[in-house]
Amino acid sequence: MKVIVAGFSKTGTKTLAAALRELDYEVYDFMDHFWYHEKEWKKILSKGGSIDDFKQMYQDIDVVTDGPSYLFWEEIHKAFPEAKIILMVRDEKAWCQSALRQYRRIRTHPGFIISCFTPIGWKMSRFLQMTIMAMHGVLESYPFTFNSHLNEMVLRKSYRQHTQYCLQNAPKDKLLVYNVETGWEPLCSFLGKDIPDKPFPHENKKGEIMDDPDLTHPFTIRLQREFFIMSCILLGLSAFGLYKIAAVKNGL
């Protein structure tokens, strides 16, 4: 483990993940935490875990970012004390609006709702539910309700508490307080990397990741396969039902 990204979701986690990959780091973000360590995280979020859990989960990974790992930046740093910590900061009001917009898009996006009717999509929705509960202390019910319990007061409080705790407790010699709008220079200087000869990335603007998922990720491939199988089963059952109805009408 080389870098622990402690910044809250919607402070630029997807942008920073893309930048760190450009700097040749192997990065695990939300989907990777679910795909590779769903069972371990389920145990940690429901029953608790240990430093050894994080050592085993991330010993061969360079960077962890996004939920639920940033909630446990301190425990992960105890497992990997030489790792550097990046805390992204953003205007609180702008962050809150962005977070609410993201959660609203997740809740109402047709692709997400449909995916929940596949086995892997259902498991992912439960994982997301547990993560939001750990982040904000609010139980969100996916995908069967359009009413969210998340509100500006809840979001701002959790964001402020997390940010202040990290500022007060992260070792100062290993901490970068970072705004992704500042681009390559402070990031590369902190990590001892040369600045790439290309523009700094800008990912998941206004929640666009929901419309442009990573089609190469194992989760997405599995989801597409399960959706195809479920569709074939439903079509087969529908055809059989129509056949039976026709047979009854024709007295067969």
Protein backbone atom coordinates (compact mmCIF):
# COMPACT_ATOMS: atom_id res chain seq x y z
CA MET A 1 0.00 0.00 0.00
CA LYS A 2 1.44 3.32 -1.11
CA VAL A 3 -1.45 5.79 -0.94
CA ILE A 4 -4.64 5.94 1.14
CA VAL A 5 -7.23 8.33 -0.26
CA ALA A 6 -9.19 9.60 2.74
CA GLY A 7 -11.37 12.09 0.86
CA PHE A 8 -15.14 11.72 1.05
CA SER A 9 -17.06 10.53 -2.01
CA LYS A 10 -17.81 13.44 -4.38
CA THR A 11 -14.67 15.34 -3.42
CA GLY A 12 -13.06 14.10 -6.64
CA THR A 13 -12.42 10.44 -5.84
CA LYS A 14 -13.02 9.22 -9.42
CA THR A 15 -10.89 12.03 -10.84
CA LEU A 16 -8.05 11.29 -8.42
CA ALA A 17 -8.32 7.56 -9.11
CA ALA A 18 -7.88 8.25 -12.84
CA ALA A 19 -4.91 10.54 -12.13
CA LEU A 20 -3.24 7.96 -9.90
CA ARG A 21 -3.74 5.25 -12.52
CA GLU A 22 -2.08 7.59 -15.00
CA LEU A 23 0.86 7.69 -12.57
CA ASP A 24 1.05 3.86 -12.77
CA TYR A 25 -0.57 3.04 -9.43
CA GLU A 26 -2.92 0.09 -9.09
CA VAL A 27 -6.07 1.61 -7.60
CA TYR A 28 -9.04 -0.05 -5.88
CA ASP A 29 -12.19 2.08 -5.74
CA PHE A 30 -15.81 1.35 -4.80
CA MET A 31 -16.50 -1.27 -7.46
CA ASP A 32 -13.23 -3.05 -6.73
CA HIS A 33 -13.93 -3.10 -2.99
CA PHE A 34 -17.25 -4.77 -3.78
CA TRP A 35 -16.01 -7.17 -6.44
CA TYR A 36 -12.88 -8.44 -4.70
CA HIS A 37 -13.65 -7.97 -1.00
CA GLU A 38 -17.43 -7.87 -0.60
CA LYS A 39 -17.43 -10.60 2.07
CA GLU A 40 -14.64 -8.97 4.07
CA TRP A 41 -16.27 -5.53 3.93
CA LYS A 42 -19.64 -6.98 4.86
CA LYS A 43 -18.05 -8.41 8.00
CA ILE A 44 -16.20 -5.18 8.80
CA LEU A 45 -19.30 -3.01 8.34
CA SER A 46 -21.64 -5.29 10.28
CA LYS A 47 -19.46 -6.91 12.95
CA GLY A 48 -16.13 -5.11 12.90
CA GLY A 49 -12.68 -6.05 11.68
CA SER A 50 -9.01 -5.91 12.52
CA ILE A 51 -5.78 -4.46 11.20
CA ASP A 52 -4.91 -7.94 9.90
CA ASP A 53 -8.05 -7.89 7.75
CA PHE A 54 -6.82 -4.80 5.93
CA LYS A 55 -3.31 -6.22 5.60
CA GLN A 56 -4.69 -9.32 3.93
CA MET A 57 -7.11 -7.43 1.69
CA TYR A 58 -4.76 -4.77 0.34
CA GLN A 59 -1.21 -6.03 0.71
CA ASP A 60 -0.68 -6.14 -3.08
CA ILE A 61 -2.60 -2.94 -3.94
CA ASP A 62 -1.03 0.50 -4.34
CA VAL A 63 -4.02 2.77 -3.62
CA VAL A 64 -7.45 2.55 -2.00
CA THR A 65 -10.07 5.21 -2.58
CA ASP A 66 -13.82 5.83 -2.31
CA GLY A 67 -16.30 4.12 -0.01
CA PRO A 68 -16.07 2.28 2.20
CA SER A 69 -12.26 2.40 2.46
CA TYR A 70 -11.94 6.11 3.24
CA LEU A 71 -14.04 5.63 6.38
CA PHE A 72 -11.26 3.37 7.68
CA TRP A 73 -8.25 5.36 6.51
CA GLU A 74 -6.83 5.32 10.05
CA GLU A 75 -7.07 1.54 10.45
CA ILE A 76 -5.67 0.99 6.95
CA HIS A 77 -2.78 3.31 7.77
CA LYS A 78 -2.03 1.26 10.89
CA ALA A 79 -1.84 -1.78 8.62
CA PHE A 80 0.43 0.10 6.18
CA PRO A 81 2.18 2.83 8.23
CA GLU A 82 4.48 3.87 5.38
CA ALA A 83 1.57 4.77 3.11
CA LYS A 84 0.84 8.40 2.31
CA ILE A 85 -2.61 9.88 2.91
CA ILE A 86 -4.50 12.22 0.57
CA LEU A 87 -7.47 14.13 1.94
CA MET A 88 -9.46 15.90 -0.75
CA VAL A 89 -11.29 19.05 0.28
CA ARG A 90 -14.08 20.94 -1.45
CA ASP A 91 -16.48 23.77 -0.71
CA GLU A 92 -18.97 22.18 1.68
CA LYS A 93 -22.10 23.52 0.00
CA ALA A 94 -20.93 22.52 -3.48
CA TRP A 95 -19.96 19.08 -2.18
CA CYS A 96 -23.37 18.59 -0.55
CA GLN A 97 -25.26 19.52 -3.71
CA SER A 98 -23.08 17.18 -5.74
CA ALA A 99 -23.57 14.32 -3.28
CA LEU A 100 -27.35 14.75 -3.21
CA ARG A 101 -27.42 14.83 -7.01
CA GLN A 102 -25.33 11.64 -7.18
CA TYR A 103 -27.55 9.74 -4.73
CA ARG A 104 -30.64 10.94 -6.58
CA ARG A 105 -29.24 9.67 -9.88
CA ILE A 106 -28.40 6.30 -8.37
CA ARG A 107 -31.87 5.94 -6.90
CA THR A 108 -33.74 6.87 -10.07
CA HIS A 109 -31.42 5.65 -12.82
CA PRO A 110 -33.17 2.95 -14.92
CA GLY A 111 -29.95 1.01 -15.37
CA PHE A 112 -29.39 0.75 -11.62
CA ILE A 113 -33.00 -0.23 -10.91
CA ILE A 114 -32.97 -2.93 -13.60
CA SER A 115 -29.57 -4.23 -12.44
CA CYS A 116 -31.00 -4.90 -8.97
CA PHE A 117 -33.09 -7.70 -10.47
CA THR A 118 -29.93 -9.71 -11.20
CA PRO A 119 -28.16 -11.66 -8.42
CA ILE A 120 -24.92 -9.66 -8.65
CA GLY A 121 -26.78 -6.35 -8.98
CA TRP A 122 -28.83 -7.13 -5.89
CA LYS A 123 -25.68 -7.92 -3.90
CA MET A 124 -24.13 -4.66 -5.05
CA SER A 125 -27.21 -2.67 -3.99
CA ARG A 126 -27.00 -4.24 -0.50
CA PHE A 127 -23.29 -3.35 -0.37
CA LEU A 128 -24.09 0.23 -1.34
CA GLN A 129 -26.79 0.36 1.32
CA MET A 130 -24.36 -0.78 4.03
CA THR A 131 -21.74 1.70 2.84
CA ILE A 132 -24.15 4.67 2.96
CA MET A 133 -25.26 3.60 6.42
CA ALA A 134 -21.63 3.61 7.59
CA MET A 135 -20.94 6.95 5.86
CA HIS A 136 -23.97 8.94 6.94
CA GLY A 137 -25.77 6.88 9.58
CA VAL A 138 -28.85 6.71 7.37
CA LEU A 139 -30.49 3.52 6.07
CA GLU A 140 -31.32 3.84 2.37
CA SER A 141 -33.65 1.24 0.85
CA TYR A 142 -32.57 0.27 -2.66
CA PRO A 143 -34.18 -0.11 -5.15
CA PHE A 144 -37.81 -0.14 -4.05
CA THR A 145 -38.38 3.44 -2.93
CA PHE A 146 -37.74 6.83 -4.50
CA ASN A 147 -37.83 8.59 -1.13
CA SER A 148 -34.41 9.28 0.35
CA HIS A 149 -33.64 9.84 4.02
CA LEU A 150 -30.49 11.74 3.06
CA ASN A 151 -30.71 15.49 3.46
CA GLU A 152 -28.36 18.45 3.54
CA MET A 153 -28.02 18.52 7.32
CA VAL A 154 -27.11 14.83 7.52
CA LEU A 155 -24.64 15.04 4.65
CA ARG A 156 -22.90 18.20 5.85
CA LYS A 157 -22.53 16.84 9.36
CA SER A 158 -20.93 13.57 8.25
CA TYR A 159 -18.66 15.36 5.75
CA ARG A 160 -17.51 17.91 8.33
CA GLN A 161 -16.85 15.33 11.04
CA HIS A 162 -14.86 13.08 8.71
CA THR A 163 -12.76 15.91 7.29
CA GLN A 164 -11.95 17.47 10.66
CA TYR A 165 -11.06 14.12 12.22
CA CYS A 166 -8.65 13.35 9.42
CA LEU A 167 -7.04 16.80 9.62
CA GLN A 168 -6.53 16.43 13.36
CA ASN A 169 -5.32 12.84 13.45
CA ALA A 170 -3.47 12.00 10.23
CA PRO A 171 0.33 12.24 10.58
CA LYS A 172 1.26 15.62 9.14
CA ASP A 173 4.41 14.36 7.42
CA LYS A 174 2.37 11.87 5.40
CA LEU A 175 -0.73 13.97 4.68
CA LEU A 176 -1.62 15.96 1.57
CA VAL A 177 -4.69 18.18 1.83
CA TYR A 178 -5.69 18.39 -1.80
CA ASN A 179 -8.22 19.94 -4.13
CA VAL A 180 -8.40 18.19 -7.50
CA GLU A 181 -8.85 21.58 -9.21
CA THR A 182 -5.16 22.29 -8.48
CA GLY A 183 -4.18 19.52 -10.89
CA TRP A 184 -0.94 17.63 -11.29
CA GLU A 185 1.69 19.78 -9.56
CA PRO A 186 0.85 19.38 -5.83
CA LEU A 187 -0.10 15.72 -6.34
CA CYS A 188 3.07 14.76 -8.22
CA SER A 189 5.24 16.80 -5.85
CA PHE A 190 3.76 14.96 -2.86
CA LEU A 191 4.20 11.54 -4.46
CA GLY A 192 7.62 12.23 -5.99
CA LYS A 193 6.35 11.65 -9.53
CA ASP A 194 7.03 13.45 -12.80
CA ILE A 195 4.12 15.49 -14.13
CA PRO A 196 2.51 13.68 -17.09
CA ASP A 197 2.45 15.45 -20.42
CA LYS A 198 -1.34 15.37 -20.66
CA PRO A 199 -4.34 17.19 -19.17
CA PHE A 200 -5.46 16.38 -15.65
CA PRO A 201 -8.53 14.08 -15.79
CA HIS A 202 -12.05 15.08 -14.78
CA GLU A 203 -14.21 12.04 -14.06
CA ASN A 204 -17.84 11.56 -12.95
CA LYS A 205 -18.90 15.16 -13.61
CA LYS A 206 -22.50 15.54 -12.41
CA GLY A 207 -22.77 11.79 -11.81
CA GLU A 208 -22.12 10.89 -15.45
CA ILE A 209 -20.55 7.60 -14.37
CA MET A 210 -24.09 6.20 -14.17
CA ASP A 211 -24.45 6.74 -17.94
CA ASP A 212 -20.94 5.59 -18.85
CA PRO A 213 -19.98 2.56 -16.74
CA ASP A 214 -16.68 0.75 -17.12
CA LEU A 215 -17.66 -2.04 -19.51
CA THR A 216 -14.34 -3.83 -18.95
CA HIS A 217 -14.75 -4.25 -15.19
CA PRO A 218 -15.47 -7.85 -14.07
CA PHE A 219 -18.58 -6.65 -12.22
CA THR A 220 -20.05 -5.03 -15.33
CA ILE A 221 -19.27 -8.09 -17.44
CA ARG A 222 -20.94 -10.35 -14.86
CA LEU A 223 -23.92 -7.99 -14.64
CA GLN A 224 -24.42 -7.99 -18.40
CA ARG A 225 -24.21 -11.80 -18.51
CA GLU A 226 -26.73 -12.23 -15.69
CA PHE A 227 -29.06 -9.65 -17.24
CA PHE A 228 -28.95 -11.53 -20.56
CA ILE A 229 -29.73 -14.84 -18.83
CA MET A 230 -32.56 -13.28 -16.79
CA SER A 231 -34.00 -11.70 -19.94
CA CYS A 232 -33.92 -15.03 -21.77
CA ILE A 233 -35.65 -16.74 -18.86
CA LEU A 234 -38.36 -14.07 -18.72
CA LEU A 235 -38.87 -14.21 -22.48
CA GLY A 236 -39.09 -18.00 -22.31
CA LEU A 237 -41.63 -17.89 -19.49
CA SER A 238 -43.64 -15.22 -21.33
CA ALA A 239 -43.67 -17.29 -24.50
CA PHE A 240 -44.71 -20.39 -22.57
CA GLY A 241 -47.48 -18.43 -20.83
CA LEU A 242 -48.80 -17.10 -24.13
CA TYR A 243 -48.70 -20.61 -25.58
CA LYS A 244 -50.72 -21.99 -22.64
CA ILE A 245 -53.28 -19.18 -22.94
CA ALA A 246 -53.65 -19.85 -26.67
CA ALA A 247 -53.93 -23.60 -26.02
CA VAL A 248 -56.74 -23.06 -23.50
CA LYS A 249 -58.61 -20.79 -25.87
CA ASN A 250 -58.32 -23.36 -28.67
CA GLY A 251 -59.34 -26.20 -26.39
CA LEU A 252 -56.03 -28.03 -26.71
